[in-house]
Amino acid sequence: MAIYGQIADGVIIGINKTRAKDVAPEWVPIPEGVQIGWIRDGDTYVAPPAPDPVYRAVTQVEFVRLCMGAGGMTTAMLVACKNDADMQAFWIMFDLAKELNKADPEIEPGLAALAALGYLPNGAQAVLDGWPV
């Protein structure tokens, strides 16, 4: 059985597996394993780059769990950082938030401050890397 692909603008838009000897000219032989969406570059076929992940918003509890899980924050650290004068602005913004998005302008600086003050032993990046999609 032969495998044929239909290509538009260098992208596989259709695949046809057939035993037929005659196929329409818009169908060209392609290697096994090539899938719809793959890109043809000369005689080479490559998978498209993975799309950027879409991160979901988290609740305040989920955010604290991220800090505790991925970030390594303990319950003692959580209590201490809640009472830390250097973190008061962070907690005001936190309390005002209905949900937190990874892209919110306060998230990265807030996590960096938590890490700098020793409340995220695993670092701010660990929390960002653990953010759910």
N, C-alpha and C. Protein backbone atom coordinates (compact mmCIF):
# COMPACT_ATOMS: atom_id res chain seq x y z
N MET A 1 0.85 -1.18 0.00
CA MET A 1 0.00 0.00 0.00
C MET A 1 0.90 1.24 0.00
N ALA A 2 0.62 2.16 -0.87
CA ALA A 2 1.39 3.39 -0.99
C ALA A 2 0.71 4.50 -0.19
N ILE A 3 1.52 5.45 0.25
CA ILE A 3 1.00 6.58 1.02
C ILE A 3 1.24 7.85 0.20
N TYR A 4 0.19 8.64 0.06
CA TYR A 4 0.27 9.88 -0.71
C TYR A 4 -0.21 11.03 0.17
N GLY A 5 0.38 12.17 -0.09
CA GLY A 5 -0.03 13.35 0.63
C GLY A 5 -0.45 14.45 -0.32
N GLN A 6 -1.40 15.23 0.11
CA GLN A 6 -1.80 16.41 -0.63
C GLN A 6 -1.15 17.59 0.07
N ILE A 7 -0.45 18.42 -0.69
CA ILE A 7 0.35 19.49 -0.12
C ILE A 7 -0.15 20.84 -0.62
N ALA A 8 -0.30 21.77 0.31
CA ALA A 8 -0.67 23.14 -0.03
C ALA A 8 0.27 24.07 0.73
N ASP A 9 0.94 24.93 0.00
CA ASP A 9 1.89 25.88 0.59
C ASP A 9 2.94 25.17 1.46
N GLY A 10 3.36 23.99 1.02
CA GLY A 10 4.41 23.25 1.71
C GLY A 10 3.96 22.48 2.93
N VAL A 11 2.64 22.42 3.18
CA VAL A 11 2.11 21.74 4.36
C VAL A 11 1.21 20.59 3.91
N ILE A 12 1.36 19.44 4.56
CA ILE A 12 0.51 18.28 4.26
C ILE A 12 -0.90 18.60 4.76
N ILE A 13 -1.86 18.59 3.84
CA ILE A 13 -3.24 18.89 4.22
C ILE A 13 -4.14 17.67 4.10
N GLY A 14 -3.62 16.59 3.51
CA GLY A 14 -4.40 15.37 3.40
C GLY A 14 -3.48 14.18 3.18
N ILE A 15 -3.93 13.00 3.63
CA ILE A 15 -3.15 11.78 3.46
C ILE A 15 -4.09 10.73 2.89
N ASN A 16 -3.55 9.97 1.93
CA ASN A 16 -4.32 8.94 1.26
C ASN A 16 -3.47 7.68 1.19
N LYS A 17 -3.95 6.60 1.80
CA LYS A 17 -3.28 5.31 1.71
C LYS A 17 -4.07 4.47 0.71
N THR A 18 -3.40 4.06 -0.34
CA THR A 18 -4.12 3.35 -1.39
C THR A 18 -3.23 2.32 -2.08
N ARG A 19 -3.88 1.38 -2.72
CA ARG A 19 -3.17 0.41 -3.55
C ARG A 19 -3.24 0.81 -5.02
N ALA A 20 -4.02 1.83 -5.27
CA ALA A 20 -4.23 2.26 -6.66
C ALA A 20 -2.91 2.71 -7.28
N LYS A 21 -2.72 2.38 -8.56
CA LYS A 21 -1.51 2.78 -9.27
C LYS A 21 -1.62 4.21 -9.78
N ASP A 22 -2.83 4.62 -10.04
CA ASP A 22 -3.04 5.97 -10.56
C ASP A 22 -3.72 6.82 -9.51
N VAL A 23 -3.06 7.86 -9.12
CA VAL A 23 -3.66 8.82 -8.19
C VAL A 23 -3.67 10.18 -8.85
N ALA A 24 -4.53 11.03 -8.36
CA ALA A 24 -4.62 12.38 -8.93
C ALA A 24 -3.28 13.09 -8.76
N PRO A 25 -2.94 14.00 -9.67
CA PRO A 25 -1.63 14.66 -9.63
C PRO A 25 -1.37 15.49 -8.37
N GLU A 26 -2.44 15.92 -7.69
CA GLU A 26 -2.20 16.72 -6.48
C GLU A 26 -1.74 15.84 -5.31
N TRP A 27 -1.77 14.54 -5.45
CA TRP A 27 -1.30 13.61 -4.42
C TRP A 27 0.10 13.14 -4.79
N VAL A 28 1.04 13.31 -3.86
CA VAL A 28 2.43 12.92 -4.12
C VAL A 28 2.85 11.87 -3.09
N PRO A 29 3.75 10.96 -3.46
CA PRO A 29 4.21 9.96 -2.49
C PRO A 29 4.89 10.64 -1.30
N ILE A 30 4.57 10.13 -0.12
CA ILE A 30 5.20 10.66 1.10
C ILE A 30 5.67 9.47 1.94
N PRO A 31 6.67 9.70 2.79
CA PRO A 31 7.15 8.62 3.65
C PRO A 31 6.12 8.22 4.71
N GLU A 32 6.19 6.99 5.15
CA GLU A 32 5.33 6.52 6.22
C GLU A 32 5.66 7.30 7.49
N GLY A 33 4.65 7.62 8.24
CA GLY A 33 4.84 8.35 9.49
C GLY A 33 4.56 9.85 9.36
N VAL A 34 4.60 10.37 8.13
CA VAL A 34 4.28 11.79 7.92
C VAL A 34 2.81 11.98 8.23
N GLN A 35 2.48 13.08 8.88
CA GLN A 35 1.10 13.33 9.28
C GLN A 35 0.61 14.67 8.75
N ILE A 36 -0.71 14.83 8.78
CA ILE A 36 -1.31 16.09 8.37
C ILE A 36 -0.73 17.20 9.25
N GLY A 37 -0.37 18.32 8.62
CA GLY A 37 0.22 19.45 9.32
C GLY A 37 1.74 19.47 9.22
N TRP A 38 2.36 18.36 8.80
CA TRP A 38 3.81 18.34 8.65
C TRP A 38 4.21 19.25 7.50
N ILE A 39 5.44 19.70 7.52
CA ILE A 39 5.95 20.66 6.54
C ILE A 39 6.92 19.95 5.61
N ARG A 40 6.74 20.20 4.33
CA ARG A 40 7.64 19.63 3.32
C ARG A 40 8.72 20.66 3.01
N ASP A 41 9.96 20.21 3.17
CA ASP A 41 11.12 21.06 2.88
C ASP A 41 11.99 20.28 1.91
N GLY A 42 11.76 20.49 0.62
CA GLY A 42 12.45 19.71 -0.41
C GLY A 42 11.97 18.27 -0.35
N ASP A 43 12.89 17.35 -0.11
CA ASP A 43 12.53 15.94 0.02
C ASP A 43 12.36 15.52 1.48
N THR A 44 12.42 16.47 2.39
CA THR A 44 12.33 16.19 3.81
C THR A 44 10.97 16.65 4.34
N TYR A 45 10.44 15.87 5.26
CA TYR A 45 9.18 16.22 5.92
C TYR A 45 9.45 16.35 7.41
N VAL A 46 9.01 17.44 7.99
CA VAL A 46 9.25 17.68 9.42
C VAL A 46 7.94 18.03 10.11
N ALA A 47 7.84 17.58 11.36
CA ALA A 47 6.67 17.92 12.17
C ALA A 47 6.70 19.41 12.46
N PRO A 48 5.55 20.04 12.52
CA PRO A 48 5.53 21.47 12.85
C PRO A 48 5.98 21.68 14.29
N PRO A 49 6.49 22.85 14.60
CA PRO A 49 6.87 23.11 16.00
C PRO A 49 5.65 23.01 16.91
N ALA A 50 5.87 22.55 18.11
CA ALA A 50 4.77 22.44 19.08
C ALA A 50 4.25 23.84 19.39
N PRO A 51 2.96 23.99 19.48
CA PRO A 51 2.42 25.32 19.82
C PRO A 51 2.80 25.68 21.25
N ASP A 52 2.87 26.98 21.49
CA ASP A 52 3.13 27.44 22.85
C ASP A 52 1.97 27.00 23.74
N PRO A 53 2.27 26.55 24.94
CA PRO A 53 1.19 26.11 25.82
C PRO A 53 0.31 27.29 26.22
N VAL A 54 -0.93 26.99 26.47
CA VAL A 54 -1.87 27.99 26.96
C VAL A 54 -2.07 27.69 28.44
N TYR A 55 -1.57 28.57 29.28
CA TYR A 55 -1.64 28.37 30.72
C TYR A 55 -2.99 28.82 31.24
N ARG A 56 -3.56 28.03 32.12
CA ARG A 56 -4.86 28.40 32.67
C ARG A 56 -4.68 29.27 33.91
N ALA A 57 -5.73 29.99 34.21
CA ALA A 57 -5.75 30.80 35.44
C ALA A 57 -5.86 29.86 36.62
N VAL A 58 -5.28 30.26 37.74
CA VAL A 58 -5.37 29.45 38.96
C VAL A 58 -6.04 30.26 40.06
N THR A 59 -6.63 29.55 40.99
CA THR A 59 -7.21 30.21 42.16
C THR A 59 -6.09 30.56 43.13
N GLN A 60 -6.42 31.31 44.14
CA GLN A 60 -5.43 31.66 45.15
C GLN A 60 -4.89 30.40 45.84
N VAL A 61 -5.77 29.46 46.14
CA VAL A 61 -5.34 28.22 46.79
C VAL A 61 -4.41 27.44 45.87
N GLU A 62 -4.75 27.36 44.59
CA GLU A 62 -3.88 26.65 43.64
C GLU A 62 -2.51 27.31 43.54
N PHE A 63 -2.49 28.64 43.58
CA PHE A 63 -1.22 29.36 43.53
C PHE A 63 -0.35 29.02 44.74
N VAL A 64 -0.96 29.05 45.92
CA VAL A 64 -0.21 28.71 47.13
C VAL A 64 0.27 27.26 47.06
N ARG A 65 -0.56 26.37 46.55
CA ARG A 65 -0.14 24.98 46.38
C ARG A 65 1.03 24.86 45.40
N LEU A 66 1.03 25.67 44.35
CA LEU A 66 2.17 25.69 43.42
C LEU A 66 3.44 26.13 44.15
N CYS A 67 3.30 27.17 44.95
CA CYS A 67 4.46 27.66 45.71
C CYS A 67 4.96 26.60 46.68
N MET A 68 4.04 25.88 47.29
CA MET A 68 4.43 24.87 48.26
C MET A 68 4.95 23.61 47.57
N GLY A 69 4.33 23.21 46.49
CA GLY A 69 4.76 22.00 45.79
C GLY A 69 6.01 22.24 44.97
N ALA A 70 5.85 22.95 43.87
CA ALA A 70 6.97 23.19 42.96
C ALA A 70 8.03 24.09 43.58
N GLY A 71 7.58 25.10 44.33
CA GLY A 71 8.52 26.07 44.89
C GLY A 71 9.20 25.63 46.17
N GLY A 72 8.65 24.60 46.82
CA GLY A 72 9.28 24.10 48.04
C GLY A 72 8.94 24.88 49.30
N MET A 73 7.94 25.76 49.24
CA MET A 73 7.54 26.54 50.41
C MET A 73 6.89 25.62 51.44
N THR A 74 7.26 25.78 52.69
CA THR A 74 6.65 25.01 53.78
C THR A 74 5.50 25.83 54.37
N THR A 75 4.70 25.19 55.21
CA THR A 75 3.62 25.93 55.88
C THR A 75 4.20 27.01 56.79
N ALA A 76 5.32 26.72 57.43
CA ALA A 76 5.96 27.74 58.28
C ALA A 76 6.42 28.92 57.43
N MET A 77 6.96 28.65 56.26
CA MET A 77 7.38 29.73 55.35
C MET A 77 6.19 30.54 54.88
N LEU A 78 5.07 29.87 54.61
CA LEU A 78 3.86 30.56 54.17
C LEU A 78 3.39 31.55 55.24
N VAL A 79 3.36 31.10 56.47
CA VAL A 79 2.94 31.98 57.57
C VAL A 79 3.92 33.14 57.72
N ALA A 80 5.21 32.84 57.68
CA ALA A 80 6.23 33.89 57.83
C ALA A 80 6.14 34.90 56.69
N CYS A 81 5.97 34.43 55.47
CA CYS A 81 5.96 35.36 54.34
C CYS A 81 4.67 36.19 54.32
N LYS A 82 3.58 35.62 54.84
CA LYS A 82 2.33 36.39 54.94
C LYS A 82 2.50 37.56 55.91
N ASN A 83 3.37 37.39 56.90
CA ASN A 83 3.61 38.44 57.91
C ASN A 83 4.84 39.29 57.61
N ASP A 84 5.52 39.02 56.51
CA ASP A 84 6.75 39.74 56.15
C ASP A 84 6.37 41.12 55.59
N ALA A 85 6.90 42.17 56.21
CA ALA A 85 6.60 43.54 55.77
C ALA A 85 7.01 43.77 54.31
N ASP A 86 8.07 43.09 53.85
CA ASP A 86 8.52 43.25 52.46
C ASP A 86 7.56 42.63 51.46
N MET A 87 6.62 41.80 51.92
CA MET A 87 5.68 41.12 51.03
C MET A 87 4.27 41.69 51.10
N GLN A 88 4.07 42.77 51.86
CA GLN A 88 2.72 43.29 52.06
C GLN A 88 2.05 43.72 50.75
N ALA A 89 2.78 44.38 49.87
CA ALA A 89 2.18 44.80 48.59
C ALA A 89 1.76 43.57 47.78
N PHE A 90 2.58 42.54 47.79
CA PHE A 90 2.23 41.30 47.10
C PHE A 90 0.92 40.74 47.62
N TRP A 91 0.79 40.68 48.96
CA TRP A 91 -0.41 40.08 49.54
C TRP A 91 -1.65 40.94 49.31
N ILE A 92 -1.48 42.27 49.23
CA ILE A 92 -2.63 43.12 48.90
C ILE A 92 -3.13 42.79 47.50
N MET A 93 -2.21 42.71 46.55
CA MET A 93 -2.60 42.35 45.17
C MET A 93 -3.19 40.94 45.13
N PHE A 94 -2.60 40.02 45.85
CA PHE A 94 -3.07 38.65 45.93
C PHE A 94 -4.51 38.60 46.44
N ASP A 95 -4.78 39.34 47.50
CA ASP A 95 -6.12 39.34 48.09
C ASP A 95 -7.16 39.96 47.15
N LEU A 96 -6.74 40.88 46.30
CA LEU A 96 -7.66 41.51 45.35
C LEU A 96 -7.96 40.63 44.14
N ALA A 97 -7.09 39.67 43.87
CA ALA A 97 -7.23 38.83 42.67
C ALA A 97 -8.32 37.79 42.85
N LYS A 98 -9.14 37.65 41.81
CA LYS A 98 -10.12 36.57 41.80
C LYS A 98 -9.47 35.30 41.29
N GLU A 99 -8.51 35.48 40.39
CA GLU A 99 -7.72 34.38 39.85
C GLU A 99 -6.37 34.95 39.43
N LEU A 100 -5.40 34.07 39.29
CA LEU A 100 -4.06 34.51 38.92
C LEU A 100 -3.67 33.87 37.60
N ASN A 101 -3.16 34.69 36.70
CA ASN A 101 -2.69 34.22 35.41
C ASN A 101 -1.17 34.32 35.37
N LYS A 102 -0.56 33.33 34.75
CA LYS A 102 0.90 33.32 34.67
C LYS A 102 1.43 34.61 34.04
N ALA A 103 0.68 35.16 33.09
CA ALA A 103 1.12 36.36 32.37
C ALA A 103 0.83 37.67 33.12
N ASP A 104 0.15 37.59 34.27
CA ASP A 104 -0.11 38.82 35.04
C ASP A 104 1.22 39.51 35.35
N PRO A 105 1.28 40.84 35.23
CA PRO A 105 2.56 41.52 35.42
C PRO A 105 3.12 41.43 36.84
N GLU A 106 2.31 41.06 37.81
CA GLU A 106 2.79 40.96 39.19
C GLU A 106 3.35 39.57 39.53
N ILE A 107 3.05 38.57 38.70
CA ILE A 107 3.41 37.18 39.06
C ILE A 107 4.92 36.97 39.11
N GLU A 108 5.62 37.24 38.04
CA GLU A 108 7.07 36.98 38.04
C GLU A 108 7.81 37.81 39.09
N PRO A 109 7.55 39.13 39.20
CA PRO A 109 8.24 39.88 40.26
C PRO A 109 7.86 39.40 41.66
N GLY A 110 6.61 39.02 41.86
CA GLY A 110 6.18 38.52 43.16
C GLY A 110 6.89 37.22 43.51
N LEU A 111 6.97 36.31 42.53
CA LEU A 111 7.69 35.05 42.77
C LEU A 111 9.18 35.30 43.00
N ALA A 112 9.73 36.25 42.25
CA ALA A 112 11.15 36.58 42.43
C ALA A 112 11.39 37.11 43.84
N ALA A 113 10.48 37.92 44.34
CA ALA A 113 10.61 38.45 45.71
C ALA A 113 10.49 37.33 46.73
N LEU A 114 9.54 36.43 46.52
CA LEU A 114 9.40 35.28 47.42
C LEU A 114 10.68 34.45 47.45
N ALA A 115 11.27 34.25 46.29
CA ALA A 115 12.51 33.47 46.21
C ALA A 115 13.67 34.22 46.86
N ALA A 116 13.77 35.52 46.57
CA ALA A 116 14.89 36.32 47.11
C ALA A 116 14.85 36.37 48.64
N LEU A 117 13.65 36.35 49.19
CA LEU A 117 13.50 36.40 50.65
C LEU A 117 13.57 35.01 51.28
N GLY A 118 13.80 33.99 50.47
CA GLY A 118 13.98 32.63 50.99
C GLY A 118 12.71 31.82 51.16
N TYR A 119 11.59 32.30 50.63
CA TYR A 119 10.33 31.58 50.80
C TYR A 119 10.07 30.54 49.70
N LEU A 120 10.87 30.57 48.65
CA LEU A 120 10.76 29.57 47.58
C LEU A 120 12.12 28.90 47.41
N PRO A 121 12.42 27.89 48.22
CA PRO A 121 13.74 27.26 48.15
C PRO A 121 14.08 26.69 46.77
N ASN A 122 13.07 26.28 46.02
CA ASN A 122 13.32 25.73 44.68
C ASN A 122 13.37 26.81 43.61
N GLY A 123 13.11 28.05 43.98
CA GLY A 123 13.19 29.18 43.06
C GLY A 123 11.88 29.52 42.39
N ALA A 124 11.82 30.75 41.91
CA ALA A 124 10.63 31.25 41.22
C ALA A 124 10.37 30.47 39.94
N GLN A 125 11.43 30.11 39.22
CA GLN A 125 11.27 29.42 37.94
C GLN A 125 10.58 28.07 38.13
N ALA A 126 10.82 27.41 39.24
CA ALA A 126 10.17 26.12 39.50
C ALA A 126 8.65 26.28 39.55
N VAL A 127 8.19 27.38 40.15
CA VAL A 127 6.75 27.64 40.21
C VAL A 127 6.21 27.95 38.82
N LEU A 128 6.93 28.78 38.07
CA LEU A 128 6.51 29.11 36.71
C LEU A 128 6.48 27.86 35.84
N ASP A 129 7.48 27.00 35.99
CA ASP A 129 7.53 25.77 35.19
C ASP A 129 6.42 24.80 35.57
N GLY A 130 5.93 24.88 36.80
CA GLY A 130 4.87 24.00 37.25
C GLY A 130 3.46 24.51 36.98
N TRP A 131 3.37 25.70 36.41
CA TRP A 131 2.05 26.32 36.18
C TRP A 131 1.21 25.42 35.28
N PRO A 132 -0.04 25.15 35.64
CA PRO A 132 -0.86 24.22 34.84
C PRO A 132 -1.35 24.82 33.52
N VAL A 133 -1.51 23.91 32.57
CA VAL A 133 -2.04 24.28 31.25
C VAL A 133 -3.48 23.85 31.16
